[in-house]
């Protein structure tokens, strides 16, 4: 991988580590915050390899609140179990009351990308 890709991954990890307990965000919101609005998939790729980096990737879902990354967690329902342990209700692989638990880094964090 190119160094700039690794740097982007590190930025994704840094933002994901700031997602508050009991809240979720989505791939696009992280990409947008990092100034790479069209890189939601790249955020997903970064999070696929984040297990060893102590990143709460279970708090990142798709734009509709679906647990699209759940197959990257050990066990059948680990992502859902982790979210539910934080008080987030998940039904049919979708976060319920998504608007209420959604955390937008662009509205919550000062810009640290430059």
PDB file of N, CA and C in Angstrom:
ATOM      1  N   UNK A   1       0.824  -1.202   0.000  1.00  0.00           N
ATOM      2  CA  UNK A   1       0.000   0.000   0.000  1.00  0.00           C
ATOM      3  C   UNK A   1       0.860   1.254   0.000  1.00  0.00           C
ATOM      4  N   UNK A   2       0.322   2.284  -0.576  1.00  0.00           N
ATOM      5  CA  UNK A   2       1.032   3.557  -0.634  1.00  0.00           C
ATOM      6  C   UNK A   2       1.015   4.216   0.746  1.00  0.00           C
ATOM      7  N   UNK A   3       2.048   4.982   1.090  1.00  0.00           N
ATOM      8  CA  UNK A   3       2.089   5.664   2.389  1.00  0.00           C
ATOM      9  C   UNK A   3       0.867   6.551   2.634  1.00  0.00           C
ATOM     10  N   UNK A   4       0.366   7.221   1.595  1.00  0.00           N
ATOM     11  CA  UNK A   4      -0.783   8.096   1.806  1.00  0.00           C
ATOM     12  C   UNK A   4      -2.038   7.290   2.157  1.00  0.00           C
ATOM     13  N   UNK A   5      -2.122   6.038   1.673  1.00  0.00           N
ATOM     14  CA  UNK A   5      -3.234   5.170   2.032  1.00  0.00           C
ATOM     15  C   UNK A   5      -3.146   4.810   3.504  1.00  0.00           C
ATOM     16  N   UNK A   6      -1.951   4.449   3.956  1.00  0.00           N
ATOM     17  CA  UNK A   6      -1.770   4.116   5.369  1.00  0.00           C
ATOM     18  C   UNK A   6      -2.076   5.328   6.236  1.00  0.00           C
ATOM     19  N   UNK A   7      -1.664   6.501   5.810  1.00  0.00           N
ATOM     20  CA  UNK A   7      -1.946   7.715   6.545  1.00  0.00           C
ATOM     21  C   UNK A   7      -3.456   7.931   6.644  1.00  0.00           C
ATOM     22  N   UNK A   8      -4.182   7.695   5.562  1.00  0.00           N
ATOM     23  CA  UNK A   8      -5.635   7.816   5.565  1.00  0.00           C
ATOM     24  C   UNK A   8      -6.239   6.820   6.550  1.00  0.00           C
ATOM     25  N   UNK A   9      -5.737   5.590   6.539  1.00  0.00           N
ATOM     26  CA  UNK A   9      -6.227   4.582   7.469  1.00  0.00           C
ATOM     27  C   UNK A   9      -6.028   5.046   8.908  1.00  0.00           C
ATOM     28  N   UNK A  10      -4.869   5.601   9.212  1.00  0.00           N
ATOM     29  CA  UNK A  10      -4.607   6.086  10.567  1.00  0.00           C
ATOM     30  C   UNK A  10      -5.592   7.186  10.955  1.00  0.00           C
ATOM     31  N   UNK A  11      -5.937   8.047  10.001  1.00  0.00           N
ATOM     32  CA  UNK A  11      -6.921   9.102  10.272  1.00  0.00           C
ATOM     33  C   UNK A  11      -8.293   8.496  10.530  1.00  0.00           C
ATOM     34  N   UNK A  12      -8.656   7.473   9.782  1.00  0.00           N
ATOM     35  CA  UNK A  12      -9.929   6.782  10.006  1.00  0.00           C
ATOM     36  C   UNK A  12      -9.953   6.202  11.417  1.00  0.00           C
ATOM     37  N   UNK A  13      -8.861   5.548  11.809  1.00  0.00           N
ATOM     38  CA  UNK A  13      -8.795   4.963  13.152  1.00  0.00           C
ATOM     39  C   UNK A  13      -8.935   6.040  14.225  1.00  0.00           C
ATOM     40  N   UNK A  14      -8.282   7.166  14.008  1.00  0.00           N
ATOM     41  CA  UNK A  14      -8.340   8.256  14.990  1.00  0.00           C
ATOM     42  C   UNK A  14      -9.769   8.765  15.162  1.00  0.00           C
ATOM     43  N   UNK A  15     -10.496   8.926  14.064  1.00  0.00           N
ATOM     44  CA  UNK A  15     -11.885   9.395  14.155  1.00  0.00           C
ATOM     45  C   UNK A  15     -12.754   8.322  14.807  1.00  0.00           C
ATOM     46  N   UNK A  16     -12.598   7.075  14.396  1.00  0.00           N
ATOM     47  CA  UNK A  16     -13.416   5.996  14.945  1.00  0.00           C
ATOM     48  C   UNK A  16     -13.220   5.864  16.460  1.00  0.00           C
ATOM     49  N   UNK A  17     -12.016   6.109  16.928  1.00  0.00           N
ATOM     50  CA  UNK A  17     -11.764   6.021  18.371  1.00  0.00           C
ATOM     51  C   UNK A  17     -12.489   7.109  19.151  1.00  0.00           C
ATOM     52  N   UNK A  18     -12.958   8.145  18.463  1.00  0.00           N
ATOM     53  CA  UNK A  18     -13.647   9.253  19.128  1.00  0.00           C
ATOM     54  C   UNK A  18     -15.166   9.102  19.128  1.00  0.00           C
ATOM     55  N   UNK A  19     -15.683   8.081  18.458  1.00  0.00           N
ATOM     56  CA  UNK A  19     -17.134   7.865  18.446  1.00  0.00           C
ATOM     57  C   UNK A  19     -17.567   7.565  19.876  1.00  0.00           C
ATOM     58  N   UNK A  20     -18.489   8.359  20.407  1.00  0.00           N
ATOM     59  CA  UNK A  20     -18.900   8.149  21.796  1.00  0.00           C
ATOM     60  C   UNK A  20     -19.577   6.795  22.029  1.00  0.00           C
ATOM     61  N   UNK A  21     -19.399   6.280  23.210  1.00  0.00           N
ATOM     62  CA  UNK A  21     -20.062   5.061  23.652  1.00  0.00           C
ATOM     63  C   UNK A  21     -21.576   5.239  23.478  1.00  0.00           C
ATOM     64  N   UNK A  22     -22.230   4.241  22.911  1.00  0.00           N
ATOM     65  CA  UNK A  22     -23.677   4.313  22.740  1.00  0.00           C
ATOM     66  C   UNK A  22     -24.121   5.108  21.524  1.00  0.00           C
ATOM     67  N   UNK A  23     -23.177   5.432  20.641  1.00  0.00           N
ATOM     68  CA  UNK A  23     -23.494   6.187  19.418  1.00  0.00           C
ATOM     69  C   UNK A  23     -22.904   5.440  18.225  1.00  0.00           C
ATOM     70  N   UNK A  24     -23.378   5.756  17.029  1.00  0.00           N
ATOM     71  CA  UNK A  24     -22.839   5.179  15.806  1.00  0.00           C
ATOM     72  C   UNK A  24     -22.629   6.282  14.786  1.00  0.00           C
ATOM     73  N   UNK A  25     -21.796   6.006  13.822  1.00  0.00           N
ATOM     74  CA  UNK A  25     -21.627   6.884  12.672  1.00  0.00           C
ATOM     75  C   UNK A  25     -21.601   6.002  11.439  1.00  0.00           C
ATOM     76  N   UNK A  26     -21.397   6.606  10.280  1.00  0.00           N
ATOM     77  CA  UNK A  26     -21.327   5.783   9.075  1.00  0.00           C
ATOM     78  C   UNK A  26     -20.037   6.062   8.311  1.00  0.00           C
ATOM     79  N   UNK A  27     -19.760   5.190   7.354  1.00  0.00           N
ATOM     80  CA  UNK A  27     -18.524   5.271   6.585  1.00  0.00           C
ATOM     81  C   UNK A  27     -18.407   6.616   5.875  1.00  0.00           C
ATOM     82  N   UNK A  28     -19.499   7.060   5.291  1.00  0.00           N
ATOM     83  CA  UNK A  28     -19.504   8.317   4.552  1.00  0.00           C
ATOM     84  C   UNK A  28     -19.244   9.525   5.423  1.00  0.00           C
ATOM     85  N   UNK A  29     -19.782   9.518   6.645  1.00  0.00           N
ATOM     86  CA  UNK A  29     -19.565  10.648   7.555  1.00  0.00           C
ATOM     87  C   UNK A  29     -18.095  10.773   7.926  1.00  0.00           C
ATOM     88  N   UNK A  30     -17.434   9.639   8.126  1.00  0.00           N
ATOM     89  CA  UNK A  30     -16.002   9.666   8.433  1.00  0.00           C
ATOM     90  C   UNK A  30     -15.227  10.152   7.207  1.00  0.00           C
ATOM     91  N   UNK A  31     -15.556   9.622   6.037  1.00  0.00           N
ATOM     92  CA  UNK A  31     -14.878  10.039   4.802  1.00  0.00           C
ATOM     93  C   UNK A  31     -15.066  11.530   4.566  1.00  0.00           C
ATOM     94  N   UNK A  32     -16.280  12.014   4.726  1.00  0.00           N
ATOM     95  CA  UNK A  32     -16.578  13.434   4.532  1.00  0.00           C
ATOM     96  C   UNK A  32     -15.773  14.293   5.504  1.00  0.00           C
ATOM     97  N   UNK A  33     -15.731  13.883   6.754  1.00  0.00           N
ATOM     98  CA  UNK A  33     -14.977  14.621   7.762  1.00  0.00           C
ATOM     99  C   UNK A  33     -13.492  14.711   7.401  1.00  0.00           C
ATOM    100  N   UNK A  34     -12.976  13.647   6.808  1.00  0.00           N
ATOM    101  CA  UNK A  34     -11.557  13.611   6.450  1.00  0.00           C
ATOM    102  C   UNK A  34     -11.269  14.291   5.118  1.00  0.00           C
ATOM    103  N   UNK A  35     -12.292  14.906   4.532  1.00  0.00           N
ATOM    104  CA  UNK A  35     -12.093  15.618   3.276  1.00  0.00           C
ATOM    105  C   UNK A  35     -12.021  14.704   2.073  1.00  0.00           C
ATOM    106  N   UNK A  36     -12.547  13.510   2.211  1.00  0.00           N
ATOM    107  CA  UNK A  36     -12.517  12.525   1.128  1.00  0.00           C
ATOM    108  C   UNK A  36     -13.928  11.969   0.932  1.00  0.00           C
ATOM    109  N   UNK A  37     -14.859  12.852   0.625  1.00  0.00           N
ATOM    110  CA  UNK A  37     -16.283  12.515   0.594  1.00  0.00           C
ATOM    111  C   UNK A  37     -16.630  11.286  -0.245  1.00  0.00           C
ATOM    112  N   UNK A  38     -15.844  10.982  -1.248  1.00  0.00           N
ATOM    113  CA  UNK A  38     -16.161   9.847  -2.116  1.00  0.00           C
ATOM    114  C   UNK A  38     -15.408   8.578  -1.688  1.00  0.00           C
ATOM    115  N   UNK A  39     -14.905   8.554  -0.481  1.00  0.00           N
ATOM    116  CA  UNK A  39     -14.063   7.438  -0.040  1.00  0.00           C
ATOM    117  C   UNK A  39     -14.682   6.600   1.071  1.00  0.00           C
ATOM    118  N   UNK A  40     -15.998   6.500   1.083  1.00  0.00           N
ATOM    119  CA  UNK A  40     -16.663   5.697   2.120  1.00  0.00           C
ATOM    120  C   UNK A  40     -16.175   4.245   2.092  1.00  0.00           C
ATOM    121  N   UNK A  41     -15.983   3.704   0.889  1.00  0.00           N
ATOM    122  CA  UNK A  41     -15.495   2.319   0.793  1.00  0.00           C
ATOM    123  C   UNK A  41     -14.103   2.180   1.386  1.00  0.00           C
ATOM    124  N   UNK A  42     -13.263   3.179   1.173  1.00  0.00           N
ATOM    125  CA  UNK A  42     -11.903   3.139   1.711  1.00  0.00           C
ATOM    126  C   UNK A  42     -11.950   3.159   3.243  1.00  0.00           C
ATOM    127  N   UNK A  43     -12.895   3.895   3.806  1.00  0.00           N
ATOM    128  CA  UNK A  43     -13.088   3.889   5.266  1.00  0.00           C
ATOM    129  C   UNK A  43     -13.423   2.465   5.711  1.00  0.00           C
ATOM    130  N   UNK A  44     -14.295   1.809   4.967  1.00  0.00           N
ATOM    131  CA  UNK A  44     -14.633   0.420   5.274  1.00  0.00           C
ATOM    132  C   UNK A  44     -13.429  -0.492   5.213  1.00  0.00           C
ATOM    133  N   UNK A  45     -12.606  -0.326   4.187  1.00  0.00           N
ATOM    134  CA  UNK A  45     -11.386  -1.139   4.078  1.00  0.00           C
ATOM    135  C   UNK A  45     -10.469  -0.910   5.277  1.00  0.00           C
ATOM    136  N   UNK A  46     -10.350   0.333   5.674  1.00  0.00           N
ATOM    137  CA  UNK A  46      -9.511   0.646   6.836  1.00  0.00           C
ATOM    138  C   UNK A  46     -10.037  -0.062   8.077  1.00  0.00           C
ATOM    139  N   UNK A  47     -11.333  -0.006   8.272  1.00  0.00           N
ATOM    140  CA  UNK A  47     -11.922  -0.594   9.472  1.00  0.00           C
ATOM    141  C   UNK A  47     -11.864  -2.115   9.466  1.00  0.00           C
ATOM    142  N   UNK A  48     -11.802  -2.724   8.287  1.00  0.00           N
ATOM    143  CA  UNK A  48     -11.673  -4.180   8.212  1.00  0.00           C
ATOM    144  C   UNK A  48     -10.411  -4.651   8.922  1.00  0.00           C
ATOM    145  N   UNK A  49      -9.367  -3.850   8.874  1.00  0.00           N
ATOM    146  CA  UNK A  49      -8.102  -4.241   9.482  1.00  0.00           C
ATOM    147  C   UNK A  49      -7.827  -3.571  10.813  1.00  0.00           C
ATOM    148  N   UNK A  50      -8.863  -3.098  11.463  1.00  0.00           N
ATOM    149  CA  UNK A  50      -8.657  -2.297  12.668  1.00  0.00           C
ATOM    150  C   UNK A  50      -8.723  -3.084  13.963  1.00  0.00           C
ATOM    151  N   UNK A  51      -9.018  -4.364  13.909  1.00  0.00           N
ATOM    152  CA  UNK A  51      -9.211  -5.158  15.122  1.00  0.00           C
ATOM    153  C   UNK A  51      -8.006  -5.073  16.051  1.00  0.00           C
ATOM    154  N   UNK A  52      -6.811  -5.199  15.521  1.00  0.00           N
ATOM    155  CA  UNK A  52      -5.606  -5.192  16.358  1.00  0.00           C
ATOM    156  C   UNK A  52      -5.242  -3.785  16.834  1.00  0.00           C
ATOM    157  N   UNK A  53      -5.916  -2.777  16.318  1.00  0.00           N
ATOM    158  CA  UNK A  53      -5.591  -1.400  16.682  1.00  0.00           C
ATOM    159  C   UNK A  53      -6.526  -0.832  17.746  1.00  0.00           C
ATOM    160  N   UNK A  54      -7.356  -1.686  18.340  1.00  0.00           N
ATOM    161  CA  UNK A  54      -8.265  -1.275  19.408  1.00  0.00           C
ATOM    162  C   UNK A  54      -9.194  -0.143  18.964  1.00  0.00           C
ATOM    163  N   UNK A  55      -9.780  -0.305  17.793  1.00  0.00           N
ATOM    164  CA  UNK A  55     -10.691   0.674  17.220  1.00  0.00           C
ATOM    165  C   UNK A  55     -12.117   0.143  17.354  1.00  0.00           C
ATOM    166  N   UNK A  56     -13.048   0.947  17.861  1.00  0.00           N
ATOM    167  CA  UNK A  56     -14.434   0.481  18.012  1.00  0.00           C
ATOM    168  C   UNK A  56     -15.185   0.489  16.683  1.00  0.00           C
ATOM    169  N   UNK A  57     -14.735  -0.348  15.753  1.00  0.00           N
ATOM    170  CA  UNK A  57     -15.313  -0.399  14.407  1.00  0.00           C
ATOM    171  C   UNK A  57     -16.775  -0.831  14.425  1.00  0.00           C
ATOM    172  N   UNK A  58     -17.210  -1.463  15.508  1.00  0.00           N
ATOM    173  CA  UNK A  58     -18.612  -1.882  15.594  1.00  0.00           C
ATOM    174  C   UNK A  58     -19.563  -0.682  15.609  1.00  0.00           C
ATOM    175  N   UNK A  59     -19.042   0.501  15.882  1.00  0.00           N
ATOM    176  CA  UNK A  59     -19.860   1.711  15.920  1.00  0.00           C
ATOM    177  C   UNK A  59     -19.990   2.384  14.557  1.00  0.00           C
ATOM    178  N   UNK A  60     -19.474   1.756  13.510  1.00  0.00           N
ATOM    179  CA  UNK A  60     -19.561   2.322  12.167  1.00  0.00           C
ATOM    180  C   UNK A  60     -20.438   1.407  11.314  1.00  0.00           C
ATOM    181  N   UNK A  61     -21.502   1.980  10.785  1.00  0.00           N
ATOM    182  CA  UNK A  61     -22.483   1.239   9.991  1.00  0.00           C
ATOM    183  C   UNK A  61     -22.652   1.935   8.640  1.00  0.00           C
ATOM    184  N   UNK A  62     -23.510   1.409   7.788  1.00  0.00           N
ATOM    185  CA  UNK A  62     -23.697   2.086   6.507  1.00  0.00           C
ATOM    186  C   UNK A  62     -24.660   3.267   6.659  1.00  0.00           C
ATOM    187  N   UNK A  63     -24.908   3.977   5.584  1.00  0.00           N
ATOM    188  CA  UNK A  63     -25.684   5.224   5.657  1.00  0.00           C
ATOM    189  C   UNK A  63     -27.131   5.025   6.067  1.00  0.00           C
ATOM    190  N   UNK A  64     -27.612   3.790   5.993  1.00  0.00           N
ATOM    191  CA  UNK A  64     -28.982   3.491   6.398  1.00  0.00           C
ATOM    192  C   UNK A  64     -29.051   2.849   7.777  1.00  0.00           C
ATOM    193  N   UNK A  65     -27.891   2.697   8.418  1.00  0.00           N
ATOM    194  CA  UNK A  65     -27.849   2.085   9.741  1.00  0.00           C
ATOM    195  C   UNK A  65     -27.724   0.579   9.720  1.00  0.00           C
ATOM    196  N   UNK A  66     -27.426   0.010   8.566  1.00  0.00           N
ATOM    197  CA  UNK A  66     -27.268  -1.442   8.464  1.00  0.00           C
ATOM    198  C   UNK A  66     -25.874  -1.876   8.904  1.00  0.00           C
ATOM    199  N   UNK A  67     -25.816  -3.037   9.534  1.00  0.00           N
ATOM    200  CA  UNK A  67     -24.545  -3.585  10.018  1.00  0.00           C
ATOM    201  C   UNK A  67     -23.822  -4.302   8.878  1.00  0.00           C
ATOM    202  N   UNK A  68     -23.426  -3.555   7.881  1.00  0.00           N
ATOM    203  CA  UNK A  68     -22.808  -4.153   6.696  1.00  0.00           C
ATOM    204  C   UNK A  68     -21.416  -4.713   6.964  1.00  0.00           C
ATOM    205  N   UNK A  69     -20.762  -4.288   8.015  1.00  0.00           N
ATOM    206  CA  UNK A  69     -19.419  -4.778   8.322  1.00  0.00           C
ATOM    207  C   UNK A  69     -19.400  -5.938   9.286  1.00  0.00           C
ATOM    208  N   UNK A  70     -20.553  -6.486   9.617  1.00  0.00           N
ATOM    209  CA  UNK A  70     -20.620  -7.492  10.681  1.00  0.00           C
ATOM    210  C   UNK A  70     -19.845  -8.766  10.369  1.00  0.00           C
ATOM    211  N   UNK A  71     -19.667  -9.098   9.098  1.00  0.00           N
ATOM    212  CA  UNK A  71     -18.940 -10.319   8.756  1.00  0.00           C
ATOM    213  C   UNK A  71     -17.441 -10.209   9.035  1.00  0.00           C
ATOM    214  N   UNK A  72     -16.973  -9.019   9.399  1.00  0.00           N
ATOM    215  CA  UNK A  72     -15.563  -8.842   9.740  1.00  0.00           C
ATOM    216  C   UNK A  72     -15.301  -9.034  11.236  1.00  0.00           C
ATOM    217  N   UNK A  73     -16.347  -9.340  11.984  1.00  0.00           N
ATOM    218  CA  UNK A  73     -16.213  -9.579  13.419  1.00  0.00           C
ATOM    219  C   UNK A  73     -16.283 -11.074  13.681  1.00  0.00           C
ATOM    220  N   UNK A  74     -15.568 -11.517  14.710  1.00  0.00           N
ATOM    221  CA  UNK A  74     -15.619 -12.933  15.078  1.00  0.00           C
ATOM    222  C   UNK A  74     -17.026 -13.274  15.548  1.00  0.00           C
ATOM    223  N   UNK A  75     -17.419 -14.511  15.320  1.00  0.00           N
ATOM    224  CA  UNK A  75     -18.742 -14.940  15.764  1.00  0.00           C
ATOM    225  C   UNK A  75     -19.829 -14.449  14.820  1.00  0.00           C
ATOM    226  N   UNK A  76     -21.007 -14.932  15.027  1.00  0.00           N
ATOM    227  CA  UNK A  76     -22.116 -14.626  14.132  1.00  0.00           C
ATOM    228  C   UNK A  76     -22.683 -13.233  14.342  1.00  0.00           C
ATOM    229  N   UNK A  77     -22.841 -12.836  15.589  1.00  0.00           N
ATOM    230  CA  UNK A  77     -23.514 -11.572  15.884  1.00  0.00           C
ATOM    231  C   UNK A  77     -22.705 -10.651  16.790  1.00  0.00           C
ATOM    232  N   UNK A  78     -21.386 -10.741  16.745  1.00  0.00           N
ATOM    233  CA  UNK A  78     -20.570  -9.959  17.671  1.00  0.00           C
ATOM    234  C   UNK A  78     -20.793  -8.457  17.506  1.00  0.00           C
ATOM    235  N   UNK A  79     -20.867  -7.974  16.272  1.00  0.00           N
ATOM    236  CA  UNK A  79     -21.074  -6.536  16.058  1.00  0.00           C
ATOM    237  C   UNK A  79     -22.382  -6.093  16.715  1.00  0.00           C
ATOM    238  N   UNK A  80     -23.444  -6.853  16.491  1.00  0.00           N
ATOM    239  CA  UNK A  80     -24.740  -6.525  17.089  1.00  0.00           C
ATOM    240  C   UNK A  80     -24.668  -6.595  18.613  1.00  0.00           C
ATOM    241  N   UNK A  81     -24.020  -7.610  19.143  1.00  0.00           N
ATOM    242  CA  UNK A  81     -23.894  -7.758  20.593  1.00  0.00           C
ATOM    243  C   UNK A  81     -23.141  -6.589  21.211  1.00  0.00           C
ATOM    244  N   UNK A  82     -22.087  -6.152  20.560  1.00  0.00           N
ATOM    245  CA  UNK A  82     -21.318  -5.018  21.072  1.00  0.00           C
ATOM    246  C   UNK A  82     -22.170  -3.747  21.081  1.00  0.00           C
ATOM    247  N   UNK A  83     -22.920  -3.521  20.004  1.00  0.00           N
ATOM    248  CA  UNK A  83     -23.788  -2.342  19.953  1.00  0.00           C
ATOM    249  C   UNK A  83     -24.879  -2.425  21.021  1.00  0.00           C
ATOM    250  N   UNK A  84     -25.490  -3.586  21.154  1.00  0.00           N
ATOM    251  CA  UNK A  84     -26.550  -3.744  22.150  1.00  0.00           C
ATOM    252  C   UNK A  84     -26.025  -3.583  23.568  1.00  0.00           C
ATOM    253  N   UNK A  85     -24.771  -3.976  23.799  1.00  0.00           N
ATOM    254  CA  UNK A  85     -24.189  -3.801  25.133  1.00  0.00           C
ATOM    255  C   UNK A  85     -24.008  -2.331  25.475  1.00  0.00           C
ATOM    256  N   UNK A  86     -24.048  -1.475  24.443  1.00  0.00           N
ATOM    257  CA  UNK A  86     -23.938  -0.031  24.636  1.00  0.00           C
ATOM    258  C   UNK A  86     -25.312   0.640  24.621  1.00  0.00           C
ATOM    259  N   UNK A  87     -26.372  -0.169  24.580  1.00  0.00           N
ATOM    260  CA  UNK A  87     -27.722   0.373  24.625  1.00  0.00           C
ATOM    261  C   UNK A  87     -28.339   0.685  23.277  1.00  0.00           C
ATOM    262  N   UNK A  88     -27.668   0.314  22.198  1.00  0.00           N
ATOM    263  CA  UNK A  88     -28.193   0.556  20.856  1.00  0.00           C
ATOM    264  C   UNK A  88     -29.076  -0.630  20.471  1.00  0.00           C
ATOM    265  N   UNK A  89     -30.267  -0.334  19.998  1.00  0.00           N
ATOM    266  CA  UNK A  89     -31.206  -1.377  19.605  1.00  0.00           C
ATOM    267  C   UNK A  89     -30.976  -1.718  18.136  1.00  0.00           C
ATOM    268  N   UNK A  90     -30.800  -3.016  17.882  1.00  0.00           N
ATOM    269  CA  UNK A  90     -30.584  -3.504  16.523  1.00  0.00           C
ATOM    270  C   UNK A  90     -31.658  -4.540  16.225  1.00  0.00           C
ATOM    271  N   UNK A  91     -32.336  -4.350  15.098  1.00  0.00           N
ATOM    272  CA  UNK A  91     -33.361  -5.299  14.675  1.00  0.00           C
ATOM    273  C   UNK A  91     -33.147  -5.595  13.200  1.00  0.00           C
ATOM    274  N   UNK A  92     -33.093  -6.870  12.853  1.00  0.00           N
ATOM    275  CA  UNK A  92     -32.860  -7.294  11.473  1.00  0.00           C
ATOM    276  C   UNK A  92     -31.615  -6.622  10.881  1.00  0.00           C
ATOM    277  N   UNK A  93     -30.539  -6.636  11.656  1.00  0.00           N
ATOM    278  CA  UNK A  93     -29.242  -6.080  11.232  1.00  0.00           C
ATOM    279  C   UNK A  93     -29.277  -4.579  10.967  1.00  0.00           C
ATOM    280  N   UNK A  94     -30.219  -3.869  11.557  1.00  0.00           N
ATOM    281  CA  UNK A  94     -30.318  -2.426  11.353  1.00  0.00           C
ATOM    282  C   UNK A  94     -30.464  -1.719  12.693  1.00  0.00           C
ATOM    283  N   UNK A  95     -29.683  -0.644  12.855  1.00  0.00           N
ATOM    284  CA  UNK A  95     -29.768   0.181  14.057  1.00  0.00           C
ATOM    285  C   UNK A  95     -31.128   0.875  14.073  1.00  0.00           C
ATOM    286  N   UNK A  96     -31.828   0.750  15.179  1.00  0.00           N
ATOM    287  CA  UNK A  96     -33.121   1.406  15.343  1.00  0.00           C
ATOM    288  C   UNK A  96     -32.898   2.816  15.883  1.00  0.00           C
ATOM    289  N   UNK A  97     -33.811   3.706  15.602  1.00  0.00           N
ATOM    290  CA  UNK A  97     -33.671   5.118  16.005  1.00  0.00           C
ATOM    291  C   UNK A  97     -32.318   5.673  15.559  1.00  0.00           C
ATOM    292  N   UNK A  98     -31.950   5.345  14.338  1.00  0.00           N
ATOM    293  CA  UNK A  98     -30.648   5.705  13.788  1.00  0.00           C
ATOM    294  C   UNK A  98     -30.362   7.200  13.925  1.00  0.00           C
ATOM    295  N   UNK A  99     -31.349   8.046  13.630  1.00  0.00           N
ATOM    296  CA  UNK A  99     -31.147   9.494  13.725  1.00  0.00           C
ATOM    297  C   UNK A  99     -30.795   9.941  15.142  1.00  0.00           C
ATOM    298  N   UNK A 100     -31.315   9.241  16.142  1.00  0.00           N
ATOM    299  CA  UNK A 100     -31.076   9.621  17.537  1.00  0.00           C
ATOM    300  C   UNK A 100     -29.698   9.205  18.034  1.00  0.00           C
ATOM    301  N   UNK A 101     -29.178   8.101  17.509  1.00  0.00           N
ATOM    302  CA  UNK A 101     -27.882   7.611  17.987  1.00  0.00           C
ATOM    303  C   UNK A 101     -26.740   7.952  17.031  1.00  0.00           C
ATOM    304  N   UNK A 102     -27.082   8.584  15.895  1.00  0.00           N
ATOM    305  CA  UNK A 102     -26.062   8.932  14.913  1.00  0.00           C
ATOM    306  C   UNK A 102     -25.159  10.047  15.428  1.00  0.00           C
ATOM    307  N   UNK A 103     -23.853   9.870  15.238  1.00  0.00           N
ATOM    308  CA  UNK A 103     -22.834  10.850  15.624  1.00  0.00           C
ATOM    309  C   UNK A 103     -22.116  11.302  14.373  1.00  0.00           C
ATOM    310  N   UNK A 104     -22.150  12.601  14.100  1.00  0.00           N
ATOM    311  CA  UNK A 104     -21.501  13.162  12.922  1.00  0.00           C
ATOM    312  C   UNK A 104     -20.204  13.834  13.348  1.00  0.00           C
ATOM    313  N   UNK A 105     -19.065  13.284  12.941  1.00  0.00           N
ATOM    314  CA  UNK A 105     -17.794  13.888  13.361  1.00  0.00           C
ATOM    315  C   UNK A 105     -17.639  15.327  12.881  1.00  0.00           C
ATOM    316  N   UNK A 106     -18.247  15.672  11.749  1.00  0.00           N
ATOM    317  CA  UNK A 106     -18.134  17.044  11.232  1.00  0.00           C
ATOM    318  C   UNK A 106     -18.806  18.059  12.138  1.00  0.00           C
ATOM    319  N   UNK A 107     -19.800  17.603  12.893  1.00  0.00           N
ATOM    320  CA  UNK A 107     -20.505  18.504  13.809  1.00  0.00           C
ATOM    321  C   UNK A 107     -19.946  18.448  15.214  1.00  0.00           C
ATOM    322  N   UNK A 108     -19.085  17.459  15.475  1.00  0.00           N
ATOM    323  CA  UNK A 108     -18.643  17.214  16.839  1.00  0.00           C
ATOM    324  C   UNK A 108     -17.168  17.492  17.090  1.00  0.00           C
ATOM    325  N   UNK A 109     -16.371  17.466  16.049  1.00  0.00           N
ATOM    326  CA  UNK A 109     -14.921  17.569  16.221  1.00  0.00           C
ATOM    327  C   UNK A 109     -14.370  18.792  15.504  1.00  0.00           C
ATOM    328  N   UNK A 110     -13.313  19.321  16.055  1.00  0.00           N
ATOM    329  CA  UNK A 110     -12.577  20.352  15.319  1.00  0.00           C
ATOM    330  C   UNK A 110     -11.779  19.634  14.241  1.00  0.00           C
ATOM    331  N   UNK A 111     -11.509  20.326  13.191  1.00  0.00           N
ATOM    332  CA  UNK A 111     -10.808  19.746  12.053  1.00  0.00           C
ATOM    333  C   UNK A 111      -9.356  19.423  12.420  1.00  0.00           C
ATOM    334  N   UNK A 112      -8.977  18.145  12.325  1.00  0.00           N
ATOM    335  CA  UNK A 112      -7.584  17.778  12.622  1.00  0.00           C
ATOM    336  C   UNK A 112      -6.894  17.194  11.406  1.00  0.00           C
ATOM    337  N   UNK A 113      -7.495  17.305  10.241  1.00  0.00           N
ATOM    338  CA  UNK A 113      -6.947  16.629   9.076  1.00  0.00           C
ATOM    339  C   UNK A 113      -5.768  17.342   8.435  1.00  0.00           C
ATOM    340  N   UNK A 114      -5.541  18.606   8.707  1.00  0.00           N
ATOM    341  CA  UNK A 114      -4.462  19.333   8.019  1.00  0.00           C
ATOM    342  C   UNK A 114      -3.260  19.505   8.906  1.00  0.00           C
TER     343      UNK A 114
END
